[in-house]
PDB file of N, CA and C in Angstrom:
ATOM      1  N   UNK A   1     -11.982 -20.645   8.419  1.00  0.00           N
ATOM      2  CA  UNK A   1     -12.321 -20.106   7.124  1.00  0.00           C
ATOM      3  C   UNK A   1     -11.021 -19.786   6.377  1.00  0.00           C
ATOM      4  N   UNK A   2     -10.949 -20.131   5.119  1.00  0.00           N
ATOM      5  CA  UNK A   2      -9.735 -19.888   4.341  1.00  0.00           C
ATOM      6  C   UNK A   2      -9.804 -18.542   3.637  1.00  0.00           C
ATOM      7  N   UNK A   3      -8.613 -18.032   3.292  1.00  0.00           N
ATOM      8  CA  UNK A   3      -8.529 -16.750   2.620  1.00  0.00           C
ATOM      9  C   UNK A   3      -8.417 -16.976   1.112  1.00  0.00           C
ATOM     10  N   UNK A   4      -9.073 -16.139   0.355  1.00  0.00           N
ATOM     11  CA  UNK A   4      -9.029 -16.241  -1.096  1.00  0.00           C
ATOM     12  C   UNK A   4      -7.624 -15.934  -1.606  1.00  0.00           C
ATOM     13  N   UNK A   5      -7.211 -16.586  -2.690  1.00  0.00           N
ATOM     14  CA  UNK A   5      -5.868 -16.408  -3.244  1.00  0.00           C
ATOM     15  C   UNK A   5      -5.596 -14.963  -3.638  1.00  0.00           C
ATOM     16  N   UNK A   6      -6.597 -14.258  -4.109  1.00  0.00           N
ATOM     17  CA  UNK A   6      -6.402 -12.883  -4.568  1.00  0.00           C
ATOM     18  C   UNK A   6      -6.124 -11.919  -3.413  1.00  0.00           C
ATOM     19  N   UNK A   7      -6.479 -12.305  -2.206  1.00  0.00           N
ATOM     20  CA  UNK A   7      -6.282 -11.429  -1.049  1.00  0.00           C
ATOM     21  C   UNK A   7      -4.955 -11.637  -0.344  1.00  0.00           C
ATOM     22  N   UNK A   8      -4.262 -12.730  -0.659  1.00  0.00           N
ATOM     23  CA  UNK A   8      -2.992 -13.013  -0.012  1.00  0.00           C
ATOM     24  C   UNK A   8      -1.904 -12.102  -0.558  1.00  0.00           C
ATOM     25  N   UNK A   9      -0.978 -11.734   0.310  1.00  0.00           N
ATOM     26  CA  UNK A   9       0.139 -10.876  -0.078  1.00  0.00           C
ATOM     27  C   UNK A   9       1.324 -11.764  -0.407  1.00  0.00           C
ATOM     28  N   UNK A  10       1.898 -11.547  -1.579  1.00  0.00           N
ATOM     29  CA  UNK A  10       3.080 -12.315  -1.961  1.00  0.00           C
ATOM     30  C   UNK A  10       4.290 -11.746  -1.254  1.00  0.00           C
ATOM     31  N   UNK A  11       5.317 -12.561  -1.099  1.00  0.00           N
ATOM     32  CA  UNK A  11       6.523 -12.147  -0.375  1.00  0.00           C
ATOM     33  C   UNK A  11       7.212 -10.974  -1.064  1.00  0.00           C
ATOM     34  N   UNK A  12       7.188 -10.916  -2.375  1.00  0.00           N
ATOM     35  CA  UNK A  12       7.843  -9.841  -3.111  1.00  0.00           C
ATOM     36  C   UNK A  12       7.094  -8.530  -3.054  1.00  0.00           C
ATOM     37  N   UNK A  13       5.831  -8.559  -2.664  1.00  0.00           N
ATOM     38  CA  UNK A  13       5.017  -7.351  -2.647  1.00  0.00           C
ATOM     39  C   UNK A  13       5.180  -6.549  -1.360  1.00  0.00           C
ATOM     40  N   UNK A  14       5.873  -7.083  -0.373  1.00  0.00           N
ATOM     41  CA  UNK A  14       6.053  -6.379   0.901  1.00  0.00           C
ATOM     42  C   UNK A  14       7.113  -5.294   0.723  1.00  0.00           C
ATOM     43  N   UNK A  15       6.739  -4.064   1.020  1.00  0.00           N
ATOM     44  CA  UNK A  15       7.659  -2.938   0.863  1.00  0.00           C
ATOM     45  C   UNK A  15       8.357  -2.637   2.185  1.00  0.00           C
ATOM     46  N   UNK A  16       9.498  -2.018   2.097  1.00  0.00           N
ATOM     47  CA  UNK A  16      10.235  -1.630   3.295  1.00  0.00           C
ATOM     48  C   UNK A  16       9.524  -0.449   3.953  1.00  0.00           C
ATOM     49  N   UNK A  17       9.375  -0.529   5.264  1.00  0.00           N
ATOM     50  CA  UNK A  17       8.740   0.566   5.992  1.00  0.00           C
ATOM     51  C   UNK A  17       9.801   1.572   6.402  1.00  0.00           C
ATOM     52  N   UNK A  18       9.452   2.842   6.428  1.00  0.00           N
ATOM     53  CA  UNK A  18      10.415   3.853   6.839  1.00  0.00           C
ATOM     54  C   UNK A  18      10.164   4.315   8.275  1.00  0.00           C
ATOM     55  N   UNK A  19       9.197   3.725   8.955  1.00  0.00           N
ATOM     56  CA  UNK A  19       8.916   4.071  10.347  1.00  0.00           C
ATOM     57  C   UNK A  19       8.828   2.780  11.148  1.00  0.00           C
ATOM     58  N   UNK A  20       9.525   2.743  12.285  1.00  0.00           N
ATOM     59  CA  UNK A  20       9.495   1.573  13.158  1.00  0.00           C
ATOM     60  C   UNK A  20       8.482   1.789  14.271  1.00  0.00           C
ATOM     61  N   UNK A  21       7.935   0.707  14.792  1.00  0.00           N
ATOM     62  CA  UNK A  21       7.061   0.819  15.958  1.00  0.00           C
ATOM     63  C   UNK A  21       7.924   1.077  17.186  1.00  0.00           C
ATOM     64  N   UNK A  22       7.293   1.453  18.264  1.00  0.00           N
ATOM     65  CA  UNK A  22       8.033   1.761  19.488  1.00  0.00           C
ATOM     66  C   UNK A  22       8.816   0.545  19.973  1.00  0.00           C
ATOM     67  N   UNK A  23       8.200  -0.622  19.914  1.00  0.00           N
ATOM     68  CA  UNK A  23       8.873  -1.845  20.367  1.00  0.00           C
ATOM     69  C   UNK A  23      10.085  -2.154  19.483  1.00  0.00           C
ATOM     70  N   UNK A  24       9.952  -1.948  18.173  1.00  0.00           N
ATOM     71  CA  UNK A  24      11.071  -2.181  17.252  1.00  0.00           C
ATOM     72  C   UNK A  24      12.204  -1.189  17.510  1.00  0.00           C
ATOM     73  N   UNK A  25      11.851   0.070  17.783  1.00  0.00           N
ATOM     74  CA  UNK A  25      12.883   1.077  18.083  1.00  0.00           C
ATOM     75  C   UNK A  25      13.626   0.737  19.364  1.00  0.00           C
ATOM     76  N   UNK A  26      12.899   0.314  20.385  1.00  0.00           N
ATOM     77  CA  UNK A  26      13.545  -0.044  21.656  1.00  0.00           C
ATOM     78  C   UNK A  26      14.453  -1.249  21.469  1.00  0.00           C
ATOM     79  N   UNK A  27      14.000  -2.246  20.701  1.00  0.00           N
ATOM     80  CA  UNK A  27      14.827  -3.427  20.448  1.00  0.00           C
ATOM     81  C   UNK A  27      16.105  -3.040  19.704  1.00  0.00           C
ATOM     82  N   UNK A  28      15.992  -2.147  18.724  1.00  0.00           N
ATOM     83  CA  UNK A  28      17.166  -1.704  17.959  1.00  0.00           C
ATOM     84  C   UNK A  28      18.116  -0.909  18.845  1.00  0.00           C
ATOM     85  N   UNK A  29      17.570  -0.048  19.718  1.00  0.00           N
ATOM     86  CA  UNK A  29      18.410   0.728  20.631  1.00  0.00           C
ATOM     87  C   UNK A  29      19.117  -0.173  21.639  1.00  0.00           C
ATOM     88  N   UNK A  30      18.439  -1.227  22.100  1.00  0.00           N
ATOM     89  CA  UNK A  30      19.071  -2.166  23.029  1.00  0.00           C
ATOM     90  C   UNK A  30      20.228  -2.890  22.351  1.00  0.00           C
ATOM     91  N   UNK A  31      20.048  -3.258  21.081  1.00  0.00           N
ATOM     92  CA  UNK A  31      21.130  -3.954  20.379  1.00  0.00           C
ATOM     93  C   UNK A  31      22.321  -3.027  20.138  1.00  0.00           C
ATOM     94  N   UNK A  32      22.068  -1.721  20.058  1.00  0.00           N
ATOM     95  CA  UNK A  32      23.146  -0.736  19.886  1.00  0.00           C
ATOM     96  C   UNK A  32      23.686  -0.229  21.216  1.00  0.00           C
ATOM     97  N   UNK A  33      23.180  -0.756  22.329  1.00  0.00           N
ATOM     98  CA  UNK A  33      23.571  -0.331  23.693  1.00  0.00           C
ATOM     99  C   UNK A  33      23.316   1.154  23.924  1.00  0.00           C
ATOM    100  N   UNK A  34      22.214   1.656  23.385  1.00  0.00           N
ATOM    101  CA  UNK A  34      21.827   3.052  23.583  1.00  0.00           C
ATOM    102  C   UNK A  34      20.556   3.160  24.409  1.00  0.00           C
ATOM    103  N   UNK A  35      20.087   2.041  24.976  1.00  0.00           N
ATOM    104  CA  UNK A  35      18.841   2.034  25.735  1.00  0.00           C
ATOM    105  C   UNK A  35      19.040   1.277  27.032  1.00  0.00           C
ATOM    106  N   UNK A  36      18.508   1.808  28.102  1.00  0.00           N
ATOM    107  CA  UNK A  36      18.515   1.110  29.385  1.00  0.00           C
ATOM    108  C   UNK A  36      17.071   1.025  29.881  1.00  0.00           C
ATOM    109  N   UNK A  37      16.823   0.179  30.850  1.00  0.00           N
ATOM    110  CA  UNK A  37      15.463   0.022  31.357  1.00  0.00           C
ATOM    111  C   UNK A  37      14.967   1.268  32.083  1.00  0.00           C
ATOM    112  N   UNK A  38      15.867   2.118  32.526  1.00  0.00           N
ATOM    113  CA  UNK A  38      15.477   3.346  33.213  1.00  0.00           C
ATOM    114  C   UNK A  38      15.187   4.485  32.241  1.00  0.00           C
ATOM    115  N   UNK A  39      15.497   4.317  30.968  1.00  0.00           N
ATOM    116  CA  UNK A  39      15.288   5.374  29.973  1.00  0.00           C
ATOM    117  C   UNK A  39      13.800   5.647  29.790  1.00  0.00           C
ATOM    118  N   UNK A  40      13.491   6.906  29.467  1.00  0.00           N
ATOM    119  CA  UNK A  40      12.114   7.327  29.281  1.00  0.00           C
ATOM    120  C   UNK A  40      11.706   7.120  27.820  1.00  0.00           C
ATOM    121  N   UNK A  41      10.477   6.725  27.601  1.00  0.00           N
ATOM    122  CA  UNK A  41       9.976   6.484  26.250  1.00  0.00           C
ATOM    123  C   UNK A  41       9.804   7.800  25.507  1.00  0.00           C
ATOM    124  N   UNK A  42       9.465   8.850  26.220  1.00  0.00           N
ATOM    125  CA  UNK A  42       9.309  10.159  25.602  1.00  0.00           C
ATOM    126  C   UNK A  42      10.701  10.743  25.366  1.00  0.00           C
ATOM    127  N   UNK A  43      10.939  11.264  24.196  1.00  0.00           N
ATOM    128  CA  UNK A  43      12.253  11.807  23.856  1.00  0.00           C
ATOM    129  C   UNK A  43      13.236  10.723  23.469  1.00  0.00           C
ATOM    130  N   UNK A  44      12.734   9.637  22.928  1.00  0.00           N
ATOM    131  CA  UNK A  44      13.570   8.511  22.524  1.00  0.00           C
ATOM    132  C   UNK A  44      14.491   8.939  21.369  1.00  0.00           C
ATOM    133  N   UNK A  45      15.751   8.477  21.362  1.00  0.00           N
ATOM    134  CA  UNK A  45      16.643   8.840  20.255  1.00  0.00           C
ATOM    135  C   UNK A  45      16.174   8.241  18.938  1.00  0.00           C
ATOM    136  N   UNK A  46      16.552   8.904  17.844  1.00  0.00           N
ATOM    137  CA  UNK A  46      16.177   8.432  16.513  1.00  0.00           C
ATOM    138  C   UNK A  46      16.977   7.192  16.150  1.00  0.00           C
ATOM    139  N   UNK A  47      16.380   6.357  15.301  1.00  0.00           N
ATOM    140  CA  UNK A  47      17.018   5.126  14.840  1.00  0.00           C
ATOM    141  C   UNK A  47      16.943   5.112  13.328  1.00  0.00           C
ATOM    142  N   UNK A  48      18.076   4.889  12.702  1.00  0.00           N
ATOM    143  CA  UNK A  48      18.101   4.851  11.246  1.00  0.00           C
ATOM    144  C   UNK A  48      17.517   3.533  10.753  1.00  0.00           C
ATOM    145  N   UNK A  49      16.691   3.612   9.721  1.00  0.00           N
ATOM    146  CA  UNK A  49      16.086   2.436   9.112  1.00  0.00           C
ATOM    147  C   UNK A  49      16.864   2.130   7.841  1.00  0.00           C
ATOM    148  N   UNK A  50      17.437   0.937   7.779  1.00  0.00           N
ATOM    149  CA  UNK A  50      18.225   0.538   6.626  1.00  0.00           C
ATOM    150  C   UNK A  50      17.306  -0.087   5.598  1.00  0.00           C
ATOM    151  N   UNK A  51      17.325   0.474   4.396  1.00  0.00           N
ATOM    152  CA  UNK A  51      16.508  -0.064   3.322  1.00  0.00           C
ATOM    153  C   UNK A  51      17.330  -1.094   2.562  1.00  0.00           C
ATOM    154  N   UNK A  52      16.760  -2.244   2.337  1.00  0.00           N
ATOM    155  CA  UNK A  52      17.444  -3.317   1.636  1.00  0.00           C
ATOM    156  C   UNK A  52      16.937  -3.350   0.199  1.00  0.00           C
ATOM    157  N   UNK A  53      17.861  -3.286  -0.740  1.00  0.00           N
ATOM    158  CA  UNK A  53      17.473  -3.393  -2.141  1.00  0.00           C
ATOM    159  C   UNK A  53      18.073  -4.670  -2.709  1.00  0.00           C
ATOM    160  N   UNK A  54      17.256  -5.410  -3.411  1.00  0.00           N
ATOM    161  CA  UNK A  54      17.695  -6.664  -3.999  1.00  0.00           C
ATOM    162  C   UNK A  54      18.314  -6.398  -5.363  1.00  0.00           C
ATOM    163  N   UNK A  55      19.472  -7.009  -5.592  1.00  0.00           N
ATOM    164  CA  UNK A  55      20.135  -6.847  -6.870  1.00  0.00           C
ATOM    165  C   UNK A  55      19.599  -7.890  -7.842  1.00  0.00           C
ATOM    166  N   UNK A  56      19.462  -7.485  -9.091  1.00  0.00           N
ATOM    167  CA  UNK A  56      18.978  -8.410 -10.102  1.00  0.00           C
ATOM    168  C   UNK A  56      20.117  -9.301 -10.554  1.00  0.00           C
ATOM    169  N   UNK A  57      19.792 -10.555 -10.846  1.00  0.00           N
ATOM    170  CA  UNK A  57      20.797 -11.497 -11.320  1.00  0.00           C
ATOM    171  C   UNK A  57      21.127 -11.181 -12.770  1.00  0.00           C
ATOM    172  N   UNK A  58      22.408 -11.298 -13.106  1.00  0.00           N
ATOM    173  CA  UNK A  58      22.835 -11.051 -14.472  1.00  0.00           C
ATOM    174  C   UNK A  58      22.489 -12.256 -15.336  1.00  0.00           C
ATOM    175  N   UNK A  59      22.040 -11.967 -16.549  1.00  0.00           N
ATOM    176  CA  UNK A  59      21.708 -13.045 -17.477  1.00  0.00           C
ATOM    177  C   UNK A  59      22.983 -13.510 -18.175  1.00  0.00           C
ATOM    178  N   UNK A  60      23.128 -14.814 -18.322  1.00  0.00           N
ATOM    179  CA  UNK A  60      24.286 -15.385 -18.988  1.00  0.00           C
ATOM    180  C   UNK A  60      24.000 -15.374 -20.483  1.00  0.00           C
ATOM    181  N   UNK A  61      24.945 -14.868 -21.241  1.00  0.00           N
ATOM    182  CA  UNK A  61      24.766 -14.795 -22.688  1.00  0.00           C
ATOM    183  C   UNK A  61      24.859 -16.189 -23.296  1.00  0.00           C
ATOM    184  N   UNK A  62      24.098 -16.428 -24.349  1.00  0.00           N
ATOM    185  CA  UNK A  62      24.094 -17.731 -25.013  1.00  0.00           C
ATOM    186  C   UNK A  62      25.434 -17.999 -25.683  1.00  0.00           C
ATOM    187  N   UNK A  63      26.081 -16.967 -26.198  1.00  0.00           N
ATOM    188  CA  UNK A  63      27.360 -17.137 -26.888  1.00  0.00           C
ATOM    189  C   UNK A  63      28.424 -17.699 -25.954  1.00  0.00           C
ATOM    190  N   UNK A  64      28.462 -17.219 -24.731  1.00  0.00           N
ATOM    191  CA  UNK A  64      29.465 -17.691 -23.776  1.00  0.00           C
ATOM    192  C   UNK A  64      29.238 -19.170 -23.442  1.00  0.00           C
ATOM    193  N   UNK A  65      27.996 -19.556 -23.304  1.00  0.00           N
ATOM    194  CA  UNK A  65      27.716 -20.951 -22.974  1.00  0.00           C
ATOM    195  C   UNK A  65      28.029 -21.867 -24.151  1.00  0.00           C
ATOM    196  N   UNK A  66      27.804 -21.399 -25.382  1.00  0.00           N
ATOM    197  CA  UNK A  66      28.115 -22.198 -26.568  1.00  0.00           C
ATOM    198  C   UNK A  66      29.620 -22.379 -26.713  1.00  0.00           C
ATOM    199  N   UNK A  67      30.388 -21.326 -26.437  1.00  0.00           N
ATOM    200  CA  UNK A  67      31.855 -21.405 -26.546  1.00  0.00           C
ATOM    201  C   UNK A  67      32.411 -22.388 -25.513  1.00  0.00           C
ATOM    202  N   UNK A  68      31.867 -22.391 -24.347  1.00  0.00           N
ATOM    203  CA  UNK A  68      32.323 -23.313 -23.308  1.00  0.00           C
ATOM    204  C   UNK A  68      32.011 -24.755 -23.707  1.00  0.00           C
ATOM    205  N   UNK A  69      30.862 -24.970 -24.350  1.00  0.00           N
ATOM    206  CA  UNK A  69      30.472 -26.299 -24.789  1.00  0.00           C
ATOM    207  C   UNK A  69      31.371 -26.804 -25.905  1.00  0.00           C
ATOM    208  N   UNK A  70      31.804 -25.926 -26.812  1.00  0.00           N
ATOM    209  CA  UNK A  70      32.690 -26.310 -27.917  1.00  0.00           C
ATOM    210  C   UNK A  70      34.067 -26.700 -27.407  1.00  0.00           C
ATOM    211  N   UNK A  71      34.567 -26.008 -26.411  1.00  0.00           N
ATOM    212  CA  UNK A  71      35.896 -26.284 -25.855  1.00  0.00           C
ATOM    213  C   UNK A  71      35.913 -27.658 -25.182  1.00  0.00           C
ATOM    214  N   UNK A  72      34.847 -28.024 -24.539  1.00  0.00           N
ATOM    215  CA  UNK A  72      34.790 -29.327 -23.856  1.00  0.00           C
ATOM    216  C   UNK A  72      34.750 -30.485 -24.843  1.00  0.00           C
ATOM    217  N   UNK A  73      34.117 -30.276 -26.015  1.00  0.00           N
ATOM    218  CA  UNK A  73      33.986 -31.333 -27.013  1.00  0.00           C
ATOM    219  C   UNK A  73      35.326 -31.641 -27.667  1.00  0.00           C
ATOM    220  N   UNK A  74      36.201 -30.674 -27.817  1.00  0.00           N
ATOM    221  CA  UNK A  74      37.499 -30.870 -28.476  1.00  0.00           C
ATOM    222  C   UNK A  74      38.434 -31.565 -27.578  1.00  0.00           C
TER     223      UNK A  74
END
């Protein structure tokens, strides 16, 4: 069965989560070398969640592009 277009989530609509699941926290701690297999799940150290913000692209002014075009013609 297919899903209706209105129910699909677009890639830009996904928000950053501020809480990680237990498996994600353990994976992050392992990559930071702060977790061992003998460590207890209860009392797990905190892990900072990095929020990624996308920068907007700057718009190129029409005047600058026209000046560049005039210089090439001469």
